[in-house]
Amino acid sequence: MARHEVLALYRRVFRVAQTWQAQSGQASDTQTEKIYIEEEARTLFRKNKQLQDLGKIRSCIEECETRIELALHYKIPYPRPMNVPHTGLAGASARKLRTQERLRKRAKPIYLQSQDT
């Protein structure tokens, strides 16, 4: 079941890339954004190819669907920037750095989970 969903999602991403039009309307921007969409999809699908855990697979599927919907809605294929709470910017002490990292992780939206490398 998950394999079918993943393959359908992969095809959907490439269909979106084929019909993509840049918001600026310029052909060079459109081509650059199409290439970005295709390369990002290939990279992330290959990176997650070995996943066996159904929960992680579902999470990746949700992330991909969210990124597609955001790209179509805002007409921007790139991930939207993340807002960090102002309390997440702490001083240089080790304790405050751990707190800062924890707050950043909690504030990270689903469409940026794949950026964890």
PDB file of N, CA and C in Angstrom:
ATOM      1  N   MET A   1       0.823  -1.195   0.000  1.00  0.00           N
ATOM      2  CA  MET A   1       0.000   0.000   0.000  1.00  0.00           C
ATOM      3  C   MET A   1       0.866   1.256   0.000  1.00  0.00           C
ATOM      4  N   ALA A   2       1.862   1.332   0.884  1.00  0.00           N
ATOM      5  CA  ALA A   2       2.713   2.517   0.968  1.00  0.00           C
ATOM      6  C   ALA A   2       3.514   2.692  -0.326  1.00  0.00           C
ATOM      7  N   ARG A   3       3.959   1.581  -0.907  1.00  0.00           N
ATOM      8  CA  ARG A   3       4.738   1.658  -2.146  1.00  0.00           C
ATOM      9  C   ARG A   3       3.908   2.313  -3.249  1.00  0.00           C
ATOM     10  N   HIS A   4       2.644   1.931  -3.342  1.00  0.00           N
ATOM     11  CA  HIS A   4       1.753   2.510  -4.352  1.00  0.00           C
ATOM     12  C   HIS A   4       1.586   4.012  -4.127  1.00  0.00           C
ATOM     13  N   GLU A   5       1.408   4.413  -2.866  1.00  0.00           N
ATOM     14  CA  GLU A   5       1.246   5.834  -2.543  1.00  0.00           C
ATOM     15  C   GLU A   5       2.507   6.631  -2.888  1.00  0.00           C
ATOM     16  N   VAL A   6       3.655   6.062  -2.562  1.00  0.00           N
ATOM     17  CA  VAL A   6       4.922   6.750  -2.826  1.00  0.00           C
ATOM     18  C   VAL A   6       5.133   6.918  -4.321  1.00  0.00           C
ATOM     19  N   LEU A   7       4.873   5.882  -5.092  1.00  0.00           N
ATOM     20  CA  LEU A   7       5.051   5.982  -6.545  1.00  0.00           C
ATOM     21  C   LEU A   7       4.067   6.977  -7.162  1.00  0.00           C
ATOM     22  N   ALA A   8       2.836   6.990  -6.661  1.00  0.00           N
ATOM     23  CA  ALA A   8       1.849   7.956  -7.150  1.00  0.00           C
ATOM     24  C   ALA A   8       2.284   9.384  -6.802  1.00  0.00           C
ATOM     25  N   LEU A   9       2.829   9.571  -5.626  1.00  0.00           N
ATOM     26  CA  LEU A   9       3.304  10.882  -5.207  1.00  0.00           C
ATOM     27  C   LEU A   9       4.496  11.326  -6.058  1.00  0.00           C
ATOM     28  N   TYR A  10       5.391  10.398  -6.353  1.00  0.00           N
ATOM     29  CA  TYR A  10       6.557  10.679  -7.213  1.00  0.00           C
ATOM     30  C   TYR A  10       6.092  11.155  -8.590  1.00  0.00           C
ATOM     31  N   ARG A  11       5.123  10.441  -9.155  1.00  0.00           N
ATOM     32  CA  ARG A  11       4.582  10.851 -10.465  1.00  0.00           C
ATOM     33  C   ARG A  11       3.910  12.217 -10.375  1.00  0.00           C
ATOM     34  N   ARG A  12       3.189  12.457  -9.275  1.00  0.00           N
ATOM     35  CA  ARG A  12       2.512  13.746  -9.109  1.00  0.00           C
ATOM     36  C   ARG A  12       3.513  14.901  -9.075  1.00  0.00           C
ATOM     37  N   VAL A  13       4.622  14.707  -8.378  1.00  0.00           N
ATOM     38  CA  VAL A  13       5.649  15.752  -8.298  1.00  0.00           C
ATOM     39  C   VAL A  13       6.168  16.081  -9.692  1.00  0.00           C
ATOM     40  N   PHE A  14       6.420  15.069 -10.494  1.00  0.00           N
ATOM     41  CA  PHE A  14       6.953  15.326 -11.829  1.00  0.00           C
ATOM     42  C   PHE A  14       5.891  15.916 -12.757  1.00  0.00           C
ATOM     43  N   ARG A  15       4.623  15.596 -12.532  1.00  0.00           N
ATOM     44  CA  ARG A  15       3.563  16.259 -13.302  1.00  0.00           C
ATOM     45  C   ARG A  15       3.475  17.730 -12.938  1.00  0.00           C
ATOM     46  N   VAL A  16       3.614  18.028 -11.670  1.00  0.00           N
ATOM     47  CA  VAL A  16       3.615  19.422 -11.230  1.00  0.00           C
ATOM     48  C   VAL A  16       4.794  20.157 -11.868  1.00  0.00           C
ATOM     49  N   ALA A  17       5.960  19.517 -11.891  1.00  0.00           N
ATOM     50  CA  ALA A  17       7.143  20.143 -12.491  1.00  0.00           C
ATOM     51  C   ALA A  17       6.935  20.409 -13.983  1.00  0.00           C
ATOM     52  N   GLN A  18       6.280  19.488 -14.686  1.00  0.00           N
ATOM     53  CA  GLN A  18       6.043  19.672 -16.124  1.00  0.00           C
ATOM     54  C   GLN A  18       5.159  20.872 -16.404  1.00  0.00           C
ATOM     55  N   THR A  19       4.165  21.093 -15.563  1.00  0.00           N
ATOM     56  CA  THR A  19       3.201  22.170 -15.817  1.00  0.00           C
ATOM     57  C   THR A  19       3.523  23.450 -15.040  1.00  0.00           C
ATOM     58  N   TRP A  20       4.656  23.476 -14.350  1.00  0.00           N
ATOM     59  CA  TRP A  20       4.999  24.602 -13.490  1.00  0.00           C
ATOM     60  C   TRP A  20       5.232  25.870 -14.301  1.00  0.00           C
ATOM     61  N   GLN A  21       4.702  26.974 -13.807  1.00  0.00           N
ATOM     62  CA  GLN A  21       4.944  28.302 -14.366  1.00  0.00           C
ATOM     63  C   GLN A  21       5.423  29.202 -13.244  1.00  0.00           C
ATOM     64  N   ALA A  22       6.552  29.864 -13.447  1.00  0.00           N
ATOM     65  CA  ALA A  22       7.081  30.772 -12.428  1.00  0.00           C
ATOM     66  C   ALA A  22       6.148  31.957 -12.255  1.00  0.00           C
ATOM     67  N   GLN A  23       6.102  32.478 -11.074  1.00  0.00           N
ATOM     68  CA  GLN A  23       5.225  33.603 -10.771  1.00  0.00           C
ATOM     69  C   GLN A  23       5.641  34.844 -11.553  1.00  0.00           C
ATOM     70  N   SER A  24       6.943  34.965 -11.855  1.00  0.00           N
ATOM     71  CA  SER A  24       7.426  36.131 -12.595  1.00  0.00           C
ATOM     72  C   SER A  24       7.015  36.073 -14.068  1.00  0.00           C
ATOM     73  N   GLY A  25       6.724  34.869 -14.556  1.00  0.00           N
ATOM     74  CA  GLY A  25       6.312  34.714 -15.946  1.00  0.00           C
ATOM     75  C   GLY A  25       7.470  34.604 -16.920  1.00  0.00           C
ATOM     76  N   GLN A  26       8.699  34.712 -16.447  1.00  0.00           N
ATOM     77  CA  GLN A  26       9.859  34.630 -17.318  1.00  0.00           C
ATOM     78  C   GLN A  26      10.241  33.172 -17.550  1.00  0.00           C
ATOM     79  N   ALA A  27      10.614  32.866 -18.780  1.00  0.00           N
ATOM     80  CA  ALA A  27      10.946  31.494 -19.152  1.00  0.00           C
ATOM     81  C   ALA A  27      12.158  30.982 -18.391  1.00  0.00           C
ATOM     82  N   SER A  28      13.134  31.826 -18.148  1.00  0.00           N
ATOM     83  CA  SER A  28      14.341  31.383 -17.440  1.00  0.00           C
ATOM     84  C   SER A  28      14.013  31.015 -15.986  1.00  0.00           C
ATOM     85  N   ASP A  29      13.157  31.798 -15.344  1.00  0.00           N
ATOM     86  CA  ASP A  29      12.744  31.485 -13.970  1.00  0.00           C
ATOM     87  C   ASP A  29      11.938  30.196 -13.920  1.00  0.00           C
ATOM     88  N   THR A  30      11.060  30.034 -14.899  1.00  0.00           N
ATOM     89  CA  THR A  30      10.249  28.818 -14.962  1.00  0.00           C
ATOM     90  C   THR A  30      11.142  27.599 -15.091  1.00  0.00           C
ATOM     91  N   GLN A  31      12.125  27.657 -15.970  1.00  0.00           N
ATOM     92  CA  GLN A  31      13.025  26.524 -16.189  1.00  0.00           C
ATOM     93  C   GLN A  31      13.849  26.232 -14.933  1.00  0.00           C
ATOM     94  N   THR A  32      14.343  27.269 -14.281  1.00  0.00           N
ATOM     95  CA  THR A  32      15.122  27.096 -13.053  1.00  0.00           C
ATOM     96  C   THR A  32      14.287  26.433 -11.965  1.00  0.00           C
ATOM     97  N   GLU A  33      13.051  26.860 -11.812  1.00  0.00           N
ATOM     98  CA  GLU A  33      12.180  26.294 -10.781  1.00  0.00           C
ATOM     99  C   GLU A  33      11.774  24.863 -11.115  1.00  0.00           C
ATOM    100  N   LYS A  34      11.563  24.562 -12.396  1.00  0.00           N
ATOM    101  CA  LYS A  34      11.255  23.187 -12.795  1.00  0.00           C
ATOM    102  C   LYS A  34      12.410  22.261 -12.455  1.00  0.00           C
ATOM    103  N   ILE A  35      13.610  22.701 -12.768  1.00  0.00           N
ATOM    104  CA  ILE A  35      14.799  21.890 -12.472  1.00  0.00           C
ATOM    105  C   ILE A  35      14.929  21.690 -10.966  1.00  0.00           C
ATOM    106  N   TYR A  36      14.681  22.736 -10.195  1.00  0.00           N
ATOM    107  CA  TYR A  36      14.753  22.616  -8.734  1.00  0.00           C
ATOM    108  C   TYR A  36      13.754  21.577  -8.226  1.00  0.00           C
ATOM    109  N   ILE A  37      12.522  21.643  -8.707  1.00  0.00           N
ATOM    110  CA  ILE A  37      11.493  20.698  -8.261  1.00  0.00           C
ATOM    111  C   ILE A  37      11.914  19.262  -8.560  1.00  0.00           C
ATOM    112  N   GLU A  38      12.389  19.022  -9.780  1.00  0.00           N
ATOM    113  CA  GLU A  38      12.781  17.666 -10.167  1.00  0.00           C
ATOM    114  C   GLU A  38      13.987  17.165  -9.369  1.00  0.00           C
ATOM    115  N   GLU A  39      15.002  18.016  -9.213  1.00  0.00           N
ATOM    116  CA  GLU A  39      16.198  17.603  -8.476  1.00  0.00           C
ATOM    117  C   GLU A  39      15.905  17.376  -6.994  1.00  0.00           C
ATOM    118  N   GLU A  40      15.093  18.244  -6.408  1.00  0.00           N
ATOM    119  CA  GLU A  40      14.723  18.089  -4.997  1.00  0.00           C
ATOM    120  C   GLU A  40      13.954  16.778  -4.799  1.00  0.00           C
ATOM    121  N   ALA A  41      13.040  16.478  -5.709  1.00  0.00           N
ATOM    122  CA  ALA A  41      12.269  15.231  -5.604  1.00  0.00           C
ATOM    123  C   ALA A  41      13.189  14.022  -5.725  1.00  0.00           C
ATOM    124  N   ARG A  42      14.043  14.025  -6.718  1.00  0.00           N
ATOM    125  CA  ARG A  42      14.965  12.888  -6.890  1.00  0.00           C
ATOM    126  C   ARG A  42      15.836  12.698  -5.655  1.00  0.00           C
ATOM    127  N   THR A  43      16.388  13.788  -5.155  1.00  0.00           N
ATOM    128  CA  THR A  43      17.273  13.712  -3.996  1.00  0.00           C
ATOM    129  C   THR A  43      16.556  13.148  -2.774  1.00  0.00           C
ATOM    130  N   LEU A  44      15.379  13.689  -2.470  1.00  0.00           N
ATOM    131  CA  LEU A  44      14.673  13.249  -1.262  1.00  0.00           C
ATOM    132  C   LEU A  44      14.108  11.840  -1.395  1.00  0.00           C
ATOM    133  N   PHE A  45      13.612  11.485  -2.567  1.00  0.00           N
ATOM    134  CA  PHE A  45      13.082  10.131  -2.731  1.00  0.00           C
ATOM    135  C   PHE A  45      14.214   9.106  -2.652  1.00  0.00           C
ATOM    136  N   ARG A  46      15.371   9.417  -3.234  1.00  0.00           N
ATOM    137  CA  ARG A  46      16.517   8.492  -3.140  1.00  0.00           C
ATOM    138  C   ARG A  46      17.028   8.401  -1.708  1.00  0.00           C
ATOM    139  N   LYS A  47      17.053   9.529  -1.008  1.00  0.00           N
ATOM    140  CA  LYS A  47      17.528   9.554   0.382  1.00  0.00           C
ATOM    141  C   LYS A  47      16.659   8.661   1.258  1.00  0.00           C
ATOM    142  N   ASN A  48      15.350   8.655   1.007  1.00  0.00           N
ATOM    143  CA  ASN A  48      14.417   7.902   1.846  1.00  0.00           C
ATOM    144  C   ASN A  48      14.023   6.553   1.253  1.00  0.00           C
ATOM    145  N   LYS A  49      14.716   6.123   0.241  1.00  0.00           N
ATOM    146  CA  LYS A  49      14.393   4.872  -0.444  1.00  0.00           C
ATOM    147  C   LYS A  49      14.470   3.652   0.480  1.00  0.00           C
ATOM    148  N   GLN A  50      15.402   3.654   1.421  1.00  0.00           N
ATOM    149  CA  GLN A  50      15.637   2.505   2.284  1.00  0.00           C
ATOM    150  C   GLN A  50      14.743   2.456   3.514  1.00  0.00           C
ATOM    151  N   LEU A  51      13.869   3.433   3.695  1.00  0.00           N
ATOM    152  CA  LEU A  51      13.005   3.457   4.885  1.00  0.00           C
ATOM    153  C   LEU A  51      12.100   2.225   4.932  1.00  0.00           C
ATOM    154  N   GLN A  52      12.007   1.626   6.115  1.00  0.00           N
ATOM    155  CA  GLN A  52      11.159   0.455   6.326  1.00  0.00           C
ATOM    156  C   GLN A  52      10.024   0.749   7.305  1.00  0.00           C
ATOM    157  N   ASP A  53      10.252   1.670   8.220  1.00  0.00           N
ATOM    158  CA  ASP A  53       9.273   2.001   9.249  1.00  0.00           C
ATOM    159  C   ASP A  53       8.078   2.723   8.617  1.00  0.00           C
ATOM    160  N   LEU A  54       6.903   2.148   8.786  1.00  0.00           N
ATOM    161  CA  LEU A  54       5.698   2.706   8.174  1.00  0.00           C
ATOM    162  C   LEU A  54       5.384   4.108   8.695  1.00  0.00           C
ATOM    163  N   GLY A  55       5.683   4.375   9.952  1.00  0.00           N
ATOM    164  CA  GLY A  55       5.449   5.706  10.519  1.00  0.00           C
ATOM    165  C   GLY A  55       6.317   6.767   9.854  1.00  0.00           C
ATOM    166  N   LYS A  56       7.588   6.446   9.637  1.00  0.00           N
ATOM    167  CA  LYS A  56       8.488   7.390   8.967  1.00  0.00           C
ATOM    168  C   LYS A  56       8.092   7.588   7.512  1.00  0.00           C
ATOM    169  N   ILE A  57       7.652   6.519   6.866  1.00  0.00           N
ATOM    170  CA  ILE A  57       7.205   6.622   5.471  1.00  0.00           C
ATOM    171  C   ILE A  57       5.992   7.538   5.392  1.00  0.00           C
ATOM    172  N   ARG A  58       5.039   7.363   6.302  1.00  0.00           N
ATOM    173  CA  ARG A  58       3.848   8.227   6.344  1.00  0.00           C
ATOM    174  C   ARG A  58       4.239   9.690   6.566  1.00  0.00           C
ATOM    175  N   SER A  59       5.211   9.908   7.450  1.00  0.00           N
ATOM    176  CA  SER A  59       5.675  11.264   7.722  1.00  0.00           C
ATOM    177  C   SER A  59       6.279  11.901   6.466  1.00  0.00           C
ATOM    178  N   CYS A  60       7.059  11.132   5.732  1.00  0.00           N
ATOM    179  CA  CYS A  60       7.652  11.641   4.483  1.00  0.00           C
ATOM    180  C   CYS A  60       6.579  11.924   3.437  1.00  0.00           C
ATOM    181  N   ILE A  61       5.566  11.071   3.363  1.00  0.00           N
ATOM    182  CA  ILE A  61       4.467  11.279   2.423  1.00  0.00           C
ATOM    183  C   ILE A  61       3.724  12.564   2.776  1.00  0.00           C
ATOM    184  N   GLU A  62       3.444  12.765   4.062  1.00  0.00           N
ATOM    185  CA  GLU A  62       2.761  13.990   4.501  1.00  0.00           C
ATOM    186  C   GLU A  62       3.590  15.228   4.177  1.00  0.00           C
ATOM    187  N   GLU A  63       4.893  15.124   4.403  1.00  0.00           N
ATOM    188  CA  GLU A  63       5.776  16.262   4.105  1.00  0.00           C
ATOM    189  C   GLU A  63       5.743  16.598   2.623  1.00  0.00           C
ATOM    190  N   CYS A  64       5.813  15.592   1.798  1.00  0.00           N
ATOM    191  CA  CYS A  64       5.804  15.814   0.349  1.00  0.00           C
ATOM    192  C   CYS A  64       4.484  16.432  -0.104  1.00  0.00           C
ATOM    193  N   GLU A  65       3.377  15.899   0.387  1.00  0.00           N
ATOM    194  CA  GLU A  65       2.076  16.456   0.024  1.00  0.00           C
ATOM    195  C   GLU A  65       1.942  17.908   0.483  1.00  0.00           C
ATOM    196  N   THR A  66       2.452  18.196   1.670  1.00  0.00           N
ATOM    197  CA  THR A  66       2.400  19.559   2.194  1.00  0.00           C
ATOM    198  C   THR A  66       3.226  20.500   1.331  1.00  0.00           C
ATOM    199  N   ARG A  67       4.422  20.043   0.944  1.00  0.00           N
ATOM    200  CA  ARG A  67       5.268  20.897   0.114  1.00  0.00           C
ATOM    201  C   ARG A  67       4.645  21.138  -1.256  1.00  0.00           C
ATOM    202  N   ILE A  68       3.987  20.134  -1.814  1.00  0.00           N
ATOM    203  CA  ILE A  68       3.313  20.317  -3.106  1.00  0.00           C
ATOM    204  C   ILE A  68       2.205  21.347  -2.975  1.00  0.00           C
ATOM    205  N   GLU A  69       1.366  21.187  -1.951  1.00  0.00           N
ATOM    206  CA  GLU A  69       0.247  22.110  -1.768  1.00  0.00           C
ATOM    207  C   GLU A  69       0.714  23.539  -1.504  1.00  0.00           C
ATOM    208  N   LEU A  70       1.766  23.697  -0.697  1.00  0.00           N
ATOM    209  CA  LEU A  70       2.303  25.028  -0.444  1.00  0.00           C
ATOM    210  C   LEU A  70       2.869  25.645  -1.723  1.00  0.00           C
ATOM    211  N   ALA A  71       3.566  24.849  -2.509  1.00  0.00           N
ATOM    212  CA  ALA A  71       4.140  25.356  -3.759  1.00  0.00           C
ATOM    213  C   ALA A  71       3.041  25.788  -4.722  1.00  0.00           C
ATOM    214  N   LEU A  72       2.005  24.988  -4.835  1.00  0.00           N
ATOM    215  CA  LEU A  72       0.910  25.337  -5.740  1.00  0.00           C
ATOM    216  C   LEU A  72       0.142  26.558  -5.235  1.00  0.00           C
ATOM    217  N   HIS A  73      -0.041  26.653  -3.938  1.00  0.00           N
ATOM    218  CA  HIS A  73      -0.805  27.772  -3.383  1.00  0.00           C
ATOM    219  C   HIS A  73      -0.040  29.093  -3.493  1.00  0.00           C
ATOM    220  N   TYR A  74       1.228  29.082  -3.076  1.00  0.00           N
ATOM    221  CA  TYR A  74       2.010  30.311  -3.046  1.00  0.00           C
ATOM    222  C   TYR A  74       2.784  30.565  -4.345  1.00  0.00           C
ATOM    223  N   LYS A  75       2.776  29.581  -5.257  1.00  0.00           N
ATOM    224  CA  LYS A  75       3.504  29.677  -6.531  1.00  0.00           C
ATOM    225  C   LYS A  75       5.009  29.808  -6.313  1.00  0.00           C
ATOM    226  N   ILE A  76       5.505  29.196  -5.235  1.00  0.00           N
ATOM    227  CA  ILE A  76       6.934  29.195  -4.916  1.00  0.00           C
ATOM    228  C   ILE A  76       7.333  27.753  -4.602  1.00  0.00           C
ATOM    229  N   PRO A  77       8.237  27.160  -5.387  1.00  0.00           N
ATOM    230  CA  PRO A  77       8.588  25.756  -5.151  1.00  0.00           C
ATOM    231  C   PRO A  77       9.555  25.531  -3.988  1.00  0.00           C
ATOM    232  N   TYR A  78      10.198  26.590  -3.541  1.00  0.00           N
ATOM    233  CA  TYR A  78      11.200  26.456  -2.489  1.00  0.00           C
ATOM    234  C   TYR A  78      10.526  26.387  -1.117  1.00  0.00           C
ATOM    235  N   PRO A  79      11.153  25.698  -0.148  1.00  0.00           N
ATOM    236  CA  PRO A  79      10.558  25.639   1.190  1.00  0.00           C
ATOM    237  C   PRO A  79      10.437  27.037   1.789  1.00  0.00           C
ATOM    238  N   ARG A  80       9.333  27.282   2.422  1.00  0.00           N
ATOM    239  CA  ARG A  80       9.131  28.584   3.070  1.00  0.00           C
ATOM    240  C   ARG A  80      10.029  28.654   4.297  1.00  0.00           C
ATOM    241  N   PRO A  81      10.537  29.837   4.619  1.00  0.00           N
ATOM    242  CA  PRO A  81      11.417  29.972   5.786  1.00  0.00           C
ATOM    243  C   PRO A  81      10.690  29.644   7.092  1.00  0.00           C
ATOM    244  N   MET A  82      11.475  29.229   8.055  1.00  0.00           N
ATOM    245  CA  MET A  82      10.941  28.851   9.354  1.00  0.00           C
ATOM    246  C   MET A  82      11.063  30.025  10.316  1.00  0.00           C
ATOM    247  N   ASN A  83      10.034  30.283  11.085  1.00  0.00           N
ATOM    248  CA  ASN A  83      10.078  31.311  12.119  1.00  0.00           C
ATOM    249  C   ASN A  83      10.553  30.691  13.413  1.00  0.00           C
ATOM    250  N   VAL A  84      11.585  31.261  13.991  1.00  0.00           N
ATOM    251  CA  VAL A  84      12.109  30.787  15.263  1.00  0.00           C
ATOM    252  C   VAL A  84      11.577  31.700  16.363  1.00  0.00           C
ATOM    253  N   PRO A  85      11.044  31.125  17.441  1.00  0.00           N
ATOM    254  CA  PRO A  85      10.561  31.976  18.529  1.00  0.00           C
ATOM    255  C   PRO A  85      11.699  32.831  19.087  1.00  0.00           C
ATOM    256  N   HIS A  86      11.386  34.057  19.468  1.00  0.00           N
ATOM    257  CA  HIS A  86      12.432  34.959  19.955  1.00  0.00           C
ATOM    258  C   HIS A  86      13.131  34.408  21.189  1.00  0.00           C
ATOM    259  N   THR A  87      12.473  33.559  21.931  1.00  0.00           N
ATOM    260  CA  THR A  87      13.122  32.945  23.092  1.00  0.00           C
ATOM    261  C   THR A  87      14.094  31.858  22.666  1.00  0.00           C
ATOM    262  N   GLY A  88      14.082  31.491  21.397  1.00  0.00           N
ATOM    263  CA  GLY A  88      14.991  30.468  20.893  1.00  0.00           C
ATOM    264  C   GLY A  88      16.359  31.004  20.564  1.00  0.00           C
ATOM    265  N   LEU A  89      16.546  32.298  20.650  1.00  0.00           N
ATOM    266  CA  LEU A  89      17.843  32.899  20.381  1.00  0.00           C
ATOM    267  C   LEU A  89      18.493  33.251  21.703  1.00  0.00           C
ATOM    268  N   ALA A  90      19.351  32.351  22.173  1.00  0.00           N
ATOM    269  CA  ALA A  90      19.935  32.498  23.495  1.00  0.00           C
ATOM    270  C   ALA A  90      21.404  32.886  23.400  1.00  0.00           C
ATOM    271  N   GLY A  91      22.009  33.073  24.554  1.00  0.00           N
ATOM    272  CA  GLY A  91      23.427  33.412  24.628  1.00  0.00           C
ATOM    273  C   GLY A  91      24.316  32.232  24.283  1.00  0.00           C
ATOM    274  N   ALA A  92      25.603  32.353  24.572  1.00  0.00           N
ATOM    275  CA  ALA A  92      26.573  31.352  24.145  1.00  0.00           C
ATOM    276  C   ALA A  92      26.807  30.233  25.155  1.00  0.00           C
ATOM    277  N   SER A  93      26.179  30.260  26.315  1.00  0.00           N
ATOM    278  CA  SER A  93      26.418  29.191  27.297  1.00  0.00           C
ATOM    279  C   SER A  93      25.839  27.876  26.782  1.00  0.00           C
ATOM    280  N   ALA A  94      26.434  26.759  27.198  1.00  0.00           N
ATOM    281  CA  ALA A  94      26.044  25.439  26.714  1.00  0.00           C
ATOM    282  C   ALA A  94      24.584  25.120  27.040  1.00  0.00           C
ATOM    283  N   ARG A  95      24.152  25.495  28.230  1.00  0.00           N
ATOM    284  CA  ARG A  95      22.771  25.209  28.645  1.00  0.00           C
ATOM    285  C   ARG A  95      21.782  25.954  27.748  1.00  0.00           C
ATOM    286  N   LYS A  96      22.072  27.206  27.460  1.00  0.00           N
ATOM    287  CA  LYS A  96      21.178  27.995  26.626  1.00  0.00           C
ATOM    288  C   LYS A  96      21.197  27.511  25.180  1.00  0.00           C
ATOM    289  N   LEU A  97      22.338  27.006  24.722  1.00  0.00           N
ATOM    290  CA  LEU A  97      22.408  26.478  23.357  1.00  0.00           C
ATOM    291  C   LEU A  97      21.542  25.232  23.209  1.00  0.00           C
ATOM    292  N   ARG A  98      21.530  24.368  24.228  1.00  0.00           N
ATOM    293  CA  ARG A  98      20.670  23.178  24.180  1.00  0.00           C
ATOM    294  C   ARG A  98      19.205  23.590  24.151  1.00  0.00           C
ATOM    295  N   THR A  99      18.852  24.582  24.953  1.00  0.00           N
ATOM    296  CA  THR A  99      17.478  25.084  24.967  1.00  0.00           C
ATOM    297  C   THR A  99      17.108  25.655  23.611  1.00  0.00           C
ATOM    298  N   GLN A 100      18.026  26.385  23.033  1.00  0.00           N
ATOM    299  CA  GLN A 100      17.802  26.980  21.713  1.00  0.00           C
ATOM    300  C   GLN A 100      17.560  25.893  20.668  1.00  0.00           C
ATOM    301  N   GLU A 101      18.373  24.839  20.674  1.00  0.00           N
ATOM    302  CA  GLU A 101      18.205  23.745  19.722  1.00  0.00           C
ATOM    303  C   GLU A 101      16.855  23.052  19.902  1.00  0.00           C
ATOM    304  N   ARG A 102      16.456  22.833  21.147  1.00  0.00           N
ATOM    305  CA  ARG A 102      15.177  22.189  21.434  1.00  0.00           C
ATOM    306  C   ARG A 102      14.018  23.040  20.920  1.00  0.00           C
ATOM    307  N   LEU A 103      14.074  24.351  21.132  1.00  0.00           N
ATOM    308  CA  LEU A 103      13.015  25.243  20.654  1.00  0.00           C
ATOM    309  C   LEU A 103      12.960  25.270  19.130  1.00  0.00           C
ATOM    310  N   ARG A 104      14.105  25.265  18.498  1.00  0.00           N
ATOM    311  CA  ARG A 104      14.133  25.233  17.026  1.00  0.00           C
ATOM    312  C   ARG A 104      13.516  23.954  16.486  1.00  0.00           C
ATOM    313  N   LYS A 105      13.831  22.844  17.138  1.00  0.00           N
ATOM    314  CA  LYS A 105      13.293  21.564  16.682  1.00  0.00           C
ATOM    315  C   LYS A 105      11.774  21.531  16.826  1.00  0.00           C
ATOM    316  N   ARG A 106      11.258  22.054  17.923  1.00  0.00           N
ATOM    317  CA  ARG A 106       9.811  22.104  18.132  1.00  0.00           C
ATOM    318  C   ARG A 106       9.121  23.044  17.151  1.00  0.00           C
ATOM    319  N   ALA A 107       9.800  24.108  16.768  1.00  0.00           N
ATOM    320  CA  ALA A 107       9.205  25.105  15.884  1.00  0.00           C
ATOM    321  C   ALA A 107       9.271  24.711  14.412  1.00  0.00           C
ATOM    322  N   LYS A 108      10.002  23.646  14.093  1.00  0.00           N
ATOM    323  CA  LYS A 108      10.192  23.251  12.696  1.00  0.00           C
ATOM    324  C   LYS A 108       8.910  22.653  12.129  1.00  0.00           C
ATOM    325  N   PRO A 109       8.364  23.250  11.061  1.00  0.00           N
ATOM    326  CA  PRO A 109       7.137  22.727  10.457  1.00  0.00           C
ATOM    327  C   PRO A 109       7.388  21.433   9.684  1.00  0.00           C
ATOM    328  N   ILE A 110       6.325  20.725   9.362  1.00  0.00           N
ATOM    329  CA  ILE A 110       6.436  19.425   8.704  1.00  0.00           C
ATOM    330  C   ILE A 110       7.132  19.504   7.353  1.00  0.00           C
ATOM    331  N   TYR A 111       6.950  20.599   6.634  1.00  0.00           N
ATOM    332  CA  TYR A 111       7.516  20.674   5.296  1.00  0.00           C
ATOM    333  C   TYR A 111       9.027  20.917   5.298  1.00  0.00           C
ATOM    334  N   LEU A 112       9.641  21.043   6.474  1.00  0.00           N
ATOM    335  CA  LEU A 112      11.092  21.199   6.555  1.00  0.00           C
ATOM    336  C   LEU A 112      11.782  20.022   7.255  1.00  0.00           C
ATOM    337  N   GLN A 113      11.056  18.960   7.550  1.00  0.00           N
ATOM    338  CA  GLN A 113      11.638  17.835   8.260  1.00  0.00           C
ATOM    339  C   GLN A 113      12.751  17.164   7.452  1.00  0.00           C
ATOM    340  N   SER A 114      12.652  17.161   6.132  1.00  0.00           N
ATOM    341  CA  SER A 114      13.662  16.509   5.299  1.00  0.00           C
ATOM    342  C   SER A 114      14.968  17.288   5.266  1.00  0.00           C
ATOM    343  N   GLN A 115      14.973  18.503   5.760  1.00  0.00           N
ATOM    344  CA  GLN A 115      16.186  19.316   5.748  1.00  0.00           C
ATOM    345  C   GLN A 115      17.140  18.932   6.885  1.00  0.00           C
ATOM    346  N   ASP A 116      16.803  17.908   7.668  1.00  0.00           N
ATOM    347  CA  ASP A 116      17.642  17.498   8.795  1.00  0.00           C
ATOM    348  C   ASP A 116      18.894  16.747   8.376  1.00  0.00           C
ATOM    349  N   THR A 117      18.998  16.365   7.154  1.00  0.00           N
ATOM    350  CA  THR A 117      20.127  15.628   6.588  1.00  0.00           C
ATOM    351  C   THR A 117      20.425  14.340   7.278  1.00  0.00           C
TER     352      THR A 117
END
